[in-house]
N, C-alpha and C. Protein backbone atom coordinates (compact mmCIF):
# COMPACT_ATOMS: atom_id res chain seq x y z
N MET A 1 261.11 120.68 37.86
CA MET A 1 261.24 121.99 38.60
C MET A 1 262.64 121.75 39.54
N ASP A 2 263.23 122.96 39.47
CA ASP A 2 264.55 122.94 40.34
C ASP A 2 264.29 123.02 41.63
N ALA A 3 265.28 122.92 42.50
CA ALA A 3 265.10 123.03 43.98
C ALA A 3 264.76 124.56 44.20
N PHE A 4 264.05 124.77 45.15
CA PHE A 4 263.91 126.09 45.85
C PHE A 4 264.98 127.10 45.80
N ARG A 5 264.93 128.17 45.26
CA ARG A 5 266.02 128.95 45.29
C ARG A 5 266.20 129.88 46.71
N ASP A 6 265.05 129.92 47.34
CA ASP A 6 264.94 130.70 48.61
C ASP A 6 264.34 129.74 49.35
N PRO A 7 264.85 129.65 50.73
CA PRO A 7 264.21 128.86 51.60
C PRO A 7 262.81 129.25 52.11
N ARG A 8 262.43 130.31 51.87
CA ARG A 8 260.96 130.84 51.92
C ARG A 8 260.03 130.44 50.96
N GLU A 9 260.51 130.09 49.82
CA GLU A 9 259.71 129.45 48.88
C GLU A 9 259.19 128.11 49.32
N ALA A 10 260.25 127.27 49.95
CA ALA A 10 259.96 126.00 50.30
C ALA A 10 258.81 126.08 51.59
N LEU A 11 259.06 126.94 52.30
CA LEU A 11 258.03 127.09 53.50
C LEU A 11 256.78 127.56 53.02
N ILE A 12 256.59 128.55 52.07
CA ILE A 12 255.27 129.00 51.50
C ILE A 12 254.72 127.67 50.79
N SER A 13 255.43 127.05 49.99
CA SER A 13 254.84 125.83 49.44
C SER A 13 254.24 124.83 50.27
N ALA A 14 255.08 124.56 51.37
CA ALA A 14 254.61 123.54 52.52
C ALA A 14 253.37 124.06 53.20
N HIS A 15 253.41 125.38 53.28
CA HIS A 15 252.24 125.95 54.01
C HIS A 15 250.92 125.79 53.18
N ILE A 16 250.98 126.17 51.91
CA ILE A 16 249.96 125.73 50.81
C ILE A 16 249.47 124.54 50.74
N PHE A 17 250.46 123.67 50.57
CA PHE A 17 250.16 122.10 50.65
C PHE A 17 249.37 121.69 51.97
N ASN A 18 249.91 122.02 53.13
CA ASN A 18 249.23 121.67 54.18
C ASN A 18 247.78 122.28 54.40
N GLU A 19 247.62 123.60 54.06
CA GLU A 19 246.48 124.18 54.03
C GLU A 19 245.39 123.57 53.10
N ARG A 20 245.70 123.11 52.01
CA ARG A 20 244.86 122.10 51.00
C ARG A 20 244.50 121.05 51.67
N LEU A 21 245.41 120.14 52.32
CA LEU A 21 245.01 119.01 53.15
C LEU A 21 244.15 119.13 54.03
N ARG A 22 244.27 120.27 54.88
CA ARG A 22 243.39 120.61 55.75
C ARG A 22 241.96 121.03 55.32
N LEU A 23 242.00 121.70 54.32
CA LEU A 23 240.61 122.08 53.76
C LEU A 23 239.89 120.85 53.14
N LYS A 24 240.68 119.71 52.39
CA LYS A 24 240.08 118.39 52.01
C LYS A 24 239.71 117.60 53.19
N ASN A 25 240.16 117.73 54.39
CA ASN A 25 239.78 117.11 55.53
C ASN A 25 238.60 117.70 55.95
N VAL A 26 238.25 118.91 56.09
CA VAL A 26 237.18 119.59 56.47
C VAL A 26 235.92 119.18 55.49
N ASP A 27 236.23 119.15 54.24
CA ASP A 27 235.23 118.94 53.08
C ASP A 27 234.84 117.46 53.30
N ASP A 28 235.74 116.56 53.66
CA ASP A 28 235.33 115.25 53.85
C ASP A 28 234.51 115.08 55.03
N LYS A 29 234.72 115.50 56.05
CA LYS A 29 233.86 115.68 57.29
C LYS A 29 232.55 116.20 57.06
N TRP A 30 232.45 117.35 56.22
CA TRP A 30 231.20 117.87 55.87
C TRP A 30 230.33 116.96 55.20
N ALA A 31 230.81 116.06 54.37
CA ALA A 31 230.23 115.10 53.52
C ALA A 31 229.93 113.91 54.11
N ASN A 32 230.48 113.75 55.38
CA ASN A 32 230.30 112.54 56.07
C ASN A 32 230.99 111.25 55.56
N TYR A 33 231.96 111.44 55.09
CA TYR A 33 232.92 110.26 54.67
C TYR A 33 233.65 109.76 55.79
N ASP A 34 233.58 108.33 55.80
CA ASP A 34 234.19 107.74 56.93
C ASP A 34 235.50 107.61 56.74
N GLU A 35 236.02 107.49 55.57
CA GLU A 35 237.46 107.16 55.17
C GLU A 35 237.99 108.33 54.11
N PRO A 36 239.16 108.64 54.18
CA PRO A 36 239.69 109.62 53.23
C PRO A 36 239.44 109.43 51.76
N TRP A 37 239.60 108.16 51.39
CA TRP A 37 239.57 107.62 50.12
C TRP A 37 238.01 107.52 49.28
N GLU A 38 237.18 107.75 50.28
CA GLU A 38 235.78 107.50 49.75
C GLU A 38 235.28 108.66 48.64
N SER A 39 235.72 109.91 49.06
CA SER A 39 235.41 111.06 48.11
C SER A 39 236.22 110.88 46.94
N LYS A 40 237.48 110.20 46.81
CA LYS A 40 238.27 109.94 45.48
C LYS A 40 237.48 108.78 44.76
N HIS A 41 236.90 107.84 45.40
CA HIS A 41 235.96 106.88 44.75
C HIS A 41 234.82 107.55 44.09
N LYS A 42 234.17 108.46 44.89
CA LYS A 42 232.95 108.99 44.20
C LYS A 42 233.30 109.84 42.97
N ALA A 43 234.39 110.58 43.11
CA ALA A 43 234.80 111.41 41.89
C ALA A 43 235.19 110.56 40.79
N ASN A 44 235.65 109.33 41.04
CA ASN A 44 236.01 108.40 39.99
C ASN A 44 234.78 107.59 39.56
N GLY A 45 233.70 107.72 40.21
CA GLY A 45 232.57 106.84 39.86
C GLY A 45 232.54 105.44 40.16
N VAL A 46 233.29 105.07 41.20
CA VAL A 46 233.37 103.87 41.55
C VAL A 46 233.03 103.63 42.93
N THR A 47 232.96 102.37 43.28
CA THR A 47 232.55 102.10 44.89
C THR A 47 233.67 101.50 45.33
N ALA A 48 233.71 101.47 46.70
CA ALA A 48 234.87 100.67 47.49
C ALA A 48 234.99 99.17 47.14
N ASP A 49 233.76 98.67 46.86
CA ASP A 49 233.88 97.08 46.59
C ASP A 49 234.54 97.01 45.17
N MET A 50 234.42 97.92 44.11
CA MET A 50 234.70 97.75 42.72
C MET A 50 236.45 97.98 42.91
N VAL A 51 236.92 98.96 43.70
CA VAL A 51 238.32 99.09 43.97
C VAL A 51 238.99 97.95 44.78
N ASP A 52 238.33 97.29 45.71
CA ASP A 52 238.85 96.41 46.48
C ASP A 52 238.89 95.04 45.34
N ALA A 53 238.01 94.68 44.51
CA ALA A 53 238.07 93.69 43.66
C ALA A 53 239.26 93.83 42.55
N LEU A 54 239.37 95.08 42.24
CA LEU A 54 240.36 95.38 41.22
C LEU A 54 241.86 95.18 42.03
N GLU A 55 242.00 95.59 43.02
CA GLU A 55 243.21 95.48 43.84
C GLU A 55 243.47 93.98 44.08
N LYS A 56 242.34 93.28 44.23
CA LYS A 56 242.68 91.73 44.71
C LYS A 56 243.27 91.29 43.28
N ALA A 57 242.58 91.39 42.08
CA ALA A 57 242.93 91.06 40.99
C ALA A 57 244.31 91.46 40.61
N VAL A 58 244.70 92.49 40.81
CA VAL A 58 246.06 92.95 40.59
C VAL A 58 247.11 92.12 41.51
N ARG A 59 246.76 92.25 42.62
CA ARG A 59 247.68 91.38 43.51
C ARG A 59 247.82 89.89 43.32
N ILE A 60 246.65 89.29 42.77
CA ILE A 60 246.78 87.86 42.41
C ILE A 60 247.73 87.51 41.11
N HIS A 61 247.60 88.49 40.27
CA HIS A 61 248.38 88.40 38.91
C HIS A 61 249.66 89.02 38.86
N THR A 62 250.02 89.86 39.99
CA THR A 62 251.39 90.50 39.86
C THR A 62 252.30 90.19 40.81
N LEU A 63 251.87 89.67 42.12
CA LEU A 63 252.59 89.40 43.16
C LEU A 63 253.08 87.82 43.29
N PRO A 64 254.42 87.59 43.77
CA PRO A 64 254.63 86.05 43.98
C PRO A 64 254.02 85.50 45.15
N SER A 65 253.48 84.36 45.25
CA SER A 65 252.82 83.91 46.36
C SER A 65 253.51 84.13 47.72
N SER A 66 254.92 84.16 47.74
CA SER A 66 255.52 84.48 49.04
C SER A 66 255.70 85.78 49.50
N SER A 67 255.06 86.74 48.58
CA SER A 67 255.29 88.15 48.74
C SER A 67 254.71 88.41 50.35
N VAL A 68 255.29 89.47 50.94
CA VAL A 68 255.01 90.00 52.04
C VAL A 68 253.53 90.71 52.06
N PHE A 69 253.17 91.06 50.88
CA PHE A 69 251.77 91.81 50.75
C PHE A 69 250.67 90.90 50.73
N THR A 70 250.74 89.70 50.53
CA THR A 70 249.56 88.82 50.36
C THR A 70 248.86 88.87 51.67
N SER A 71 247.57 88.67 51.65
CA SER A 71 246.86 88.58 53.04
C SER A 71 246.25 87.17 53.28
C-alpha cells in the first residue's frame, strides 16, 4: 500500500485503529482477563504455560548464551 495521499486518510486510519484497540481493551475487561495476551491464548486454544514453554524452548535453541535476552 502506498503512503496516504491525503493527510486526512492517515488521521482517519489512526482513529479507526485506536478505536479498535479501545474496544479490545473493553472486551478483555468484561471477560476478566488479567493480561492482554490471555484472550489471544484462548482464541488459539493454548494456555499461558504452553506459550511460556514454547518460548523457553525457542530461546534455548536460537539465542547465544551471552545474549541480552537470557533470563
